[in-house]
C-alpha atoms as a PDB file:
ATOM      1  CA  MET A   1    -188.011-315.315  36.425  1.00  0.00           C
ATOM      2  CA  ALA A   2    -187.256-317.482  33.463  1.00  0.00           C
ATOM      3  CA  LEU A   3    -185.285-321.236  34.232  1.00  0.00           C
ATOM      4  CA  SER A   4    -183.907-323.347  31.893  1.00  0.00           C
ATOM      5  CA  MET A   5    -183.776-326.835  32.091  1.00  0.00           C
ATOM      6  CA  GLY A   6    -182.393-329.281  28.944  1.00  0.00           C
ATOM      7  CA  ASN A   7    -179.805-325.996  27.604  1.00  0.00           C
ATOM      8  CA  ASN A   8    -177.748-326.354  30.956  1.00  0.00           C
ATOM      9  CA  ASN A   9    -175.283-329.148  30.406  1.00  0.00           C
ATOM     10  CA  GLN A  10    -174.329-327.925  26.500  1.00  0.00           C
ATOM     11  CA  ASN A  11    -173.900-324.397  28.432  1.00  0.00           C
ATOM     12  CA  LYS A  12    -171.278-325.830  30.191  1.00  0.00           C
ATOM     13  CA  ARG A  13    -169.829-327.831  26.549  1.00  0.00           C
ATOM     14  CA  ARG A  14    -169.233-324.079  25.242  1.00  0.00           C
ATOM     15  CA  ARG A  15    -167.503-322.387  27.990  1.00  0.00           C
ATOM     16  CA  ALA A  16    -165.347-324.978  28.298  1.00  0.00           C
ATOM     17  CA  ARG A  17    -164.346-324.485  24.415  1.00  0.00           C
ATOM     18  CA  ALA A  18    -164.355-320.989  25.166  1.00  0.00           C
ATOM     19  CA  GLN A  19    -161.276-320.731  27.213  1.00  0.00           C
ATOM     20  CA  PRO A  20    -157.528-320.048  25.999  1.00  0.00           C
ATOM     21  CA  PHE A  21    -155.462-322.264  25.627  1.00  0.00           C
ATOM     22  CA  SER A  22    -152.686-321.385  27.711  1.00  0.00           C
ATOM     23  CA  GLU A  23    -149.615-323.586  27.444  1.00  0.00           C
ATOM     24  CA  ILE A  24    -146.303-322.500  26.130  1.00  0.00           C
ATOM     25  CA  ASN A  25    -145.196-325.227  23.442  1.00  0.00           C
ATOM     26  CA  ILE A  26    -141.357-325.253  23.411  1.00  0.00           C
ATOM     27  CA  THR A  27    -140.611-327.183  20.889  1.00  0.00           C
ATOM     28  CA  PRO A  28    -140.585-324.989  17.906  1.00  0.00           C
ATOM     29  CA  MET A  29    -137.727-322.754  20.020  1.00  0.00           C
ATOM     30  CA  VAL A  30    -135.778-325.720  20.739  1.00  0.00           C
ATOM     31  CA  ASP A  31    -135.766-326.772  17.177  1.00  0.00           C
ATOM     32  CA  VAL A  32    -134.965-323.021  15.860  1.00  0.00           C
ATOM     33  CA  MET A  33    -132.063-323.100  18.619  1.00  0.00           C
ATOM     34  CA  LEU A  34    -130.705-326.417  17.830  1.00  0.00           C
ATOM     35  CA  VAL A  35    -130.342-325.440  13.854  1.00  0.00           C
ATOM     36  CA  LEU A  36    -128.933-322.086  14.890  1.00  0.00           C
ATOM     37  CA  LEU A  37    -126.187-323.811  16.930  1.00  0.00           C
ATOM     38  CA  VAL A  38    -125.166-326.023  14.158  1.00  0.00           C
ATOM     39  CA  ILE A  39    -124.987-323.458  11.860  1.00  0.00           C
ATOM     40  CA  PHE A  40    -122.747-321.630  13.827  1.00  0.00           C
ATOM     41  CA  MET A  41    -120.610-324.629  15.218  1.00  0.00           C
ATOM     42  CA  VAL A  42    -119.851-324.931  11.379  1.00  0.00           C
ATOM     43  CA  ALA A  43    -119.351-321.489  10.182  1.00  0.00           C
ATOM     44  CA  ALA A  44    -117.714-320.222  12.885  1.00  0.00           C
ATOM     45  CA  PRO A  45    -113.881-322.599  11.591  1.00  0.00           C
ATOM     46  CA  MET A  46    -114.393-320.775   8.452  1.00  0.00           C
ATOM     47  CA  MET A  47    -114.241-317.373  10.258  1.00  0.00           C
ATOM     48  CA  THR A  48    -110.827-317.691  11.057  1.00  0.00           C
ATOM     49  CA  THR A  49    -108.606-314.855   8.502  1.00  0.00           C
ATOM     50  CA  GLY A  50    -105.827-315.284   6.711  1.00  0.00           C
ATOM     51  CA  VAL A  51    -103.806-318.003   4.179  1.00  0.00           C
ATOM     52  CA  SER A  52    -103.205-321.707   5.888  1.00  0.00           C
ATOM     53  CA  VAL A  53     -99.620-320.864   6.772  1.00  0.00           C
ATOM     54  CA  ASP A  54     -97.972-324.347   9.006  1.00  0.00           C
ATOM     55  CA  LEU A  55     -96.285-321.608  11.835  1.00  0.00           C
ATOM     56  CA  PRO A  56     -93.163-323.467  13.659  1.00  0.00           C
ATOM     57  CA  GLN A  57     -93.784-323.680  16.815  1.00  0.00           C
ATOM     58  CA  THR A  58     -91.841-321.903  20.252  1.00  0.00           C
ATOM     59  CA  LYS A  59     -92.321-321.036  23.090  1.00  0.00           C
ATOM     60  CA  SER A  60     -93.438-317.132  23.289  1.00  0.00           C
ATOM     61  CA  THR A  61     -95.141-314.870  24.955  1.00  0.00           C
ATOM     62  CA  PRO A  62     -98.243-313.143  22.978  1.00  0.00           C
ATOM     63  CA  VAL A  63     -97.324-309.940  21.559  1.00  0.00           C
ATOM     64  CA  SER A  64     -98.907-306.975  23.227  1.00  0.00           C
ATOM     65  CA  GLY A  65    -100.744-304.064  21.492  1.00  0.00           C
ATOM     66  CA  GLN A  66    -104.144-301.946  21.392  1.00  0.00           C
ATOM     67  CA  ASP A  67    -103.599-301.551  17.296  1.00  0.00           C
ATOM     68  CA  GLU A  68    -104.808-304.552  14.825  1.00  0.00           C
ATOM     69  CA  PRO A  69    -101.836-305.757  13.852  1.00  0.00           C
ATOM     70  CA  LEU A  70    -101.046-305.741   9.158  1.00  0.00           C
ATOM     71  CA  ALA A  71    -100.623-309.545   8.599  1.00  0.00           C
ATOM     72  CA  ILE A  72     -98.411-310.482   5.753  1.00  0.00           C
ATOM     73  CA  SER A  73     -98.354-314.330   5.010  1.00  0.00           C
ATOM     74  CA  VAL A  74     -95.626-316.213   3.089  1.00  0.00           C
ATOM     75  CA  THR A  75     -97.306-319.739   1.679  1.00  0.00           C
ATOM     76  CA  ALA A  76     -94.700-322.975   1.581  1.00  0.00           C
ATOM     77  CA  ASP A  77     -94.856-322.242  -2.259  1.00  0.00           C
ATOM     78  CA  GLY A  78     -93.231-318.669  -1.846  1.00  0.00           C
ATOM     79  CA  LYS A  79     -95.907-316.920  -2.581  1.00  0.00           C
ATOM     80  CA  VAL A  80     -96.606-313.430  -0.164  1.00  0.00           C
ATOM     81  CA  PHE A  81     -99.860-312.369   1.231  1.00  0.00           C
ATOM     82  CA  VAL A  82    -100.613-309.118   2.508  1.00  0.00           C
ATOM     83  CA  GLN A  83    -104.155-309.352   4.651  1.00  0.00           C
ATOM     84  CA  LYS A  84    -105.455-311.978   1.920  1.00  0.00           C
ATOM     85  CA  GLN A  85    -104.365-310.639  -1.167  1.00  0.00           C
ATOM     86  CA  GLU A  86    -101.657-312.351  -3.059  1.00  0.00           C
ATOM     87  CA  VAL A  87     -98.481-309.652  -3.798  1.00  0.00           C
ATOM     88  CA  PRO A  88     -95.180-310.011  -5.691  1.00  0.00           C
ATOM     89  CA  LEU A  89     -92.269-308.897  -4.050  1.00  0.00           C
ATOM     90  CA  GLU A  90     -91.353-306.068  -5.751  1.00  0.00           C
ATOM     91  CA  ALA A  91     -94.605-304.538  -4.978  1.00  0.00           C
ATOM     92  CA  LEU A  92     -94.698-304.864  -1.216  1.00  0.00           C
ATOM     93  CA  GLN A  93     -93.242-301.791  -0.048  1.00  0.00           C
ATOM     94  CA  ALA A  94     -95.685-300.012  -2.475  1.00  0.00           C
ATOM     95  CA  LYS A  95     -98.888-301.657  -0.818  1.00  0.00           C
ATOM     96  CA  LEU A  96     -97.728-301.183   2.667  1.00  0.00           C
ATOM     97  CA  LYS A  97     -97.663-297.457   2.295  1.00  0.00           C
ATOM     98  CA  ALA A  98    -100.904-297.715   0.085  1.00  0.00           C
ATOM     99  CA  ILE A  99    -102.741-299.281   3.166  1.00  0.00           C
ATOM    100  CA  THR A 100    -101.025-297.362   5.926  1.00  0.00           C
ATOM    101  CA  GLY A 101    -100.403-293.945   4.576  1.00  0.00           C
ATOM    102  CA  GLU A 102     -98.543-292.025   6.867  1.00  0.00           C
ATOM    103  CA  LYS A 103     -98.590-294.473   9.500  1.00  0.00           C
ATOM    104  CA  LYS A 104     -94.812-295.527  10.059  1.00  0.00           C
ATOM    105  CA  ASP A 105     -95.825-296.832  13.663  1.00  0.00           C
ATOM    106  CA  THR A 106     -98.344-299.841  12.190  1.00  0.00           C
ATOM    107  CA  ARG A 107     -97.366-303.046  13.767  1.00  0.00           C
ATOM    108  CA  ILE A 108     -96.994-305.799  10.741  1.00  0.00           C
ATOM    109  CA  PHE A 109     -96.968-309.323  11.541  1.00  0.00           C
ATOM    110  CA  VAL A 110     -94.898-312.052   9.761  1.00  0.00           C
ATOM    111  CA  ARG A 111     -96.562-315.573  10.034  1.00  0.00           C
ATOM    112  CA  GLY A 112     -94.008-317.749   7.476  1.00  0.00           C
ATOM    113  CA  ASP A 113     -94.564-321.259   6.722  1.00  0.00           C
ATOM    114  CA  LYS A 114     -92.031-323.581   8.754  1.00  0.00           C
ATOM    115  CA  ASN A 115     -91.073-325.573   5.271  1.00  0.00           C
ATOM    116  CA  ILE A 116     -89.898-322.449   3.499  1.00  0.00           C
ATOM    117  CA  ASP A 117     -86.573-320.740   2.719  1.00  0.00           C
ATOM    118  CA  TYR A 118     -85.198-318.796   5.853  1.00  0.00           C
ATOM    119  CA  GLY A 119     -83.575-316.361   3.147  1.00  0.00           C
ATOM    120  CA  LYS A 120     -87.182-315.610   1.672  1.00  0.00           C
ATOM    121  CA  ILE A 121     -88.630-314.529   4.806  1.00  0.00           C
ATOM    122  CA  MET A 122     -85.979-312.440   5.533  1.00  0.00           C
ATOM    123  CA  ALA A 123     -86.659-310.966   2.082  1.00  0.00           C
ATOM    124  CA  VAL A 124     -89.835-309.953   3.114  1.00  0.00           C
ATOM    125  CA  VAL A 125     -88.832-308.225   6.787  1.00  0.00           C
ATOM    126  CA  GLY A 126     -86.081-306.738   4.662  1.00  0.00           C
ATOM    127  CA  GLU A 127     -88.698-304.456   2.518  1.00  0.00           C
ATOM    128  CA  VAL A 128     -90.751-304.453   5.193  1.00  0.00           C
ATOM    129  CA  ASN A 129     -87.972-302.390   6.783  1.00  0.00           C
ATOM    130  CA  ALA A 130     -87.284-300.302   3.191  1.00  0.00           C
ATOM    131  CA  ALA A 131     -90.685-299.121   3.175  1.00  0.00           C
ATOM    132  CA  GLY A 132     -89.875-297.466   6.711  1.00  0.00           C
ATOM    133  CA  PHE A 133     -91.804-299.957   9.240  1.00  0.00           C
ATOM    134  CA  SER A 134     -89.932-300.690  11.890  1.00  0.00           C
ATOM    135  CA  LYS A 135     -92.745-302.950  14.358  1.00  0.00           C
ATOM    136  CA  VAL A 136     -92.171-305.984  12.951  1.00  0.00           C
ATOM    137  CA  ALA A 137     -93.410-309.289  14.458  1.00  0.00           C
ATOM    138  CA  LEU A 138     -91.914-313.027  13.207  1.00  0.00           C
ATOM    139  CA  ILE A 139     -95.749-314.802  14.770  1.00  0.00           C
ATOM    140  CA  THR A 140     -95.188-319.150  15.350  1.00  0.00           C
ATOM    141  CA  ASP A 141     -97.168-321.250  17.452  1.00  0.00           C
ATOM    142  CA  VAL A 142     -96.556-321.633  20.661  1.00  0.00           C
ATOM    143  CA  GLY A 143     -96.098-324.956  21.874  1.00  0.00           C
ATOM    144  CA  ASN A 144     -92.729-326.771  21.658  1.00  0.00           C
ATOM    145  CA  ALA A 145     -89.422-325.688  19.833  1.00  0.00           C
ATOM    146  CA  GLY A 146     -88.926-327.621  17.204  1.00  0.00           C
ATOM    147  CA  GLY A 147     -92.379-329.515  17.439  1.00  0.00           C
ATOM    148  CA  GLU A 148     -90.224-332.498  19.618  1.00  0.00           C
ATOM    149  CA  GLU A 149     -91.294-333.794  22.883  1.00  0.00           C
ATOM    150  CA  LYS A 150     -88.156-334.379  25.075  1.00  0.00           C
ATOM    151  CA  ARG A 151     -87.837-337.757  26.050  1.00  0.00           C
ATOM    152  CA  LYS A 152     -86.249-339.331  28.689  1.00  0.00           C
END
């Protein structure tokens, strides 16, 4: 039998260093999550679709439906947009027919700025009806009618 006397202390230090580090460092994961949170908070408002239009407010209920509606927007300066693409009023019928094909039951939402002439909105709705579409809805913001609060 062999007995080693002087190296016992060194063997303990080697065994202590050889054990794996078993604590999980969560700080990098939290840093990544916070960065992703900030990115999504900044990017979310930019993901809204459509053209910026100041809609009038009314007391109404949302229109229900299964399919994705086609949005037509009329800006305050009278420009007409189908989804995000500007279209002259004269070419609106052809554009709608090209987008929908033969689907005349497609729902069409008309969004008009509250400061635009009512006749311009009706001209757009007339063009949509002349193209053969009957499911047309005017879109508003839900709120107080006229945008004024009742006074006591």
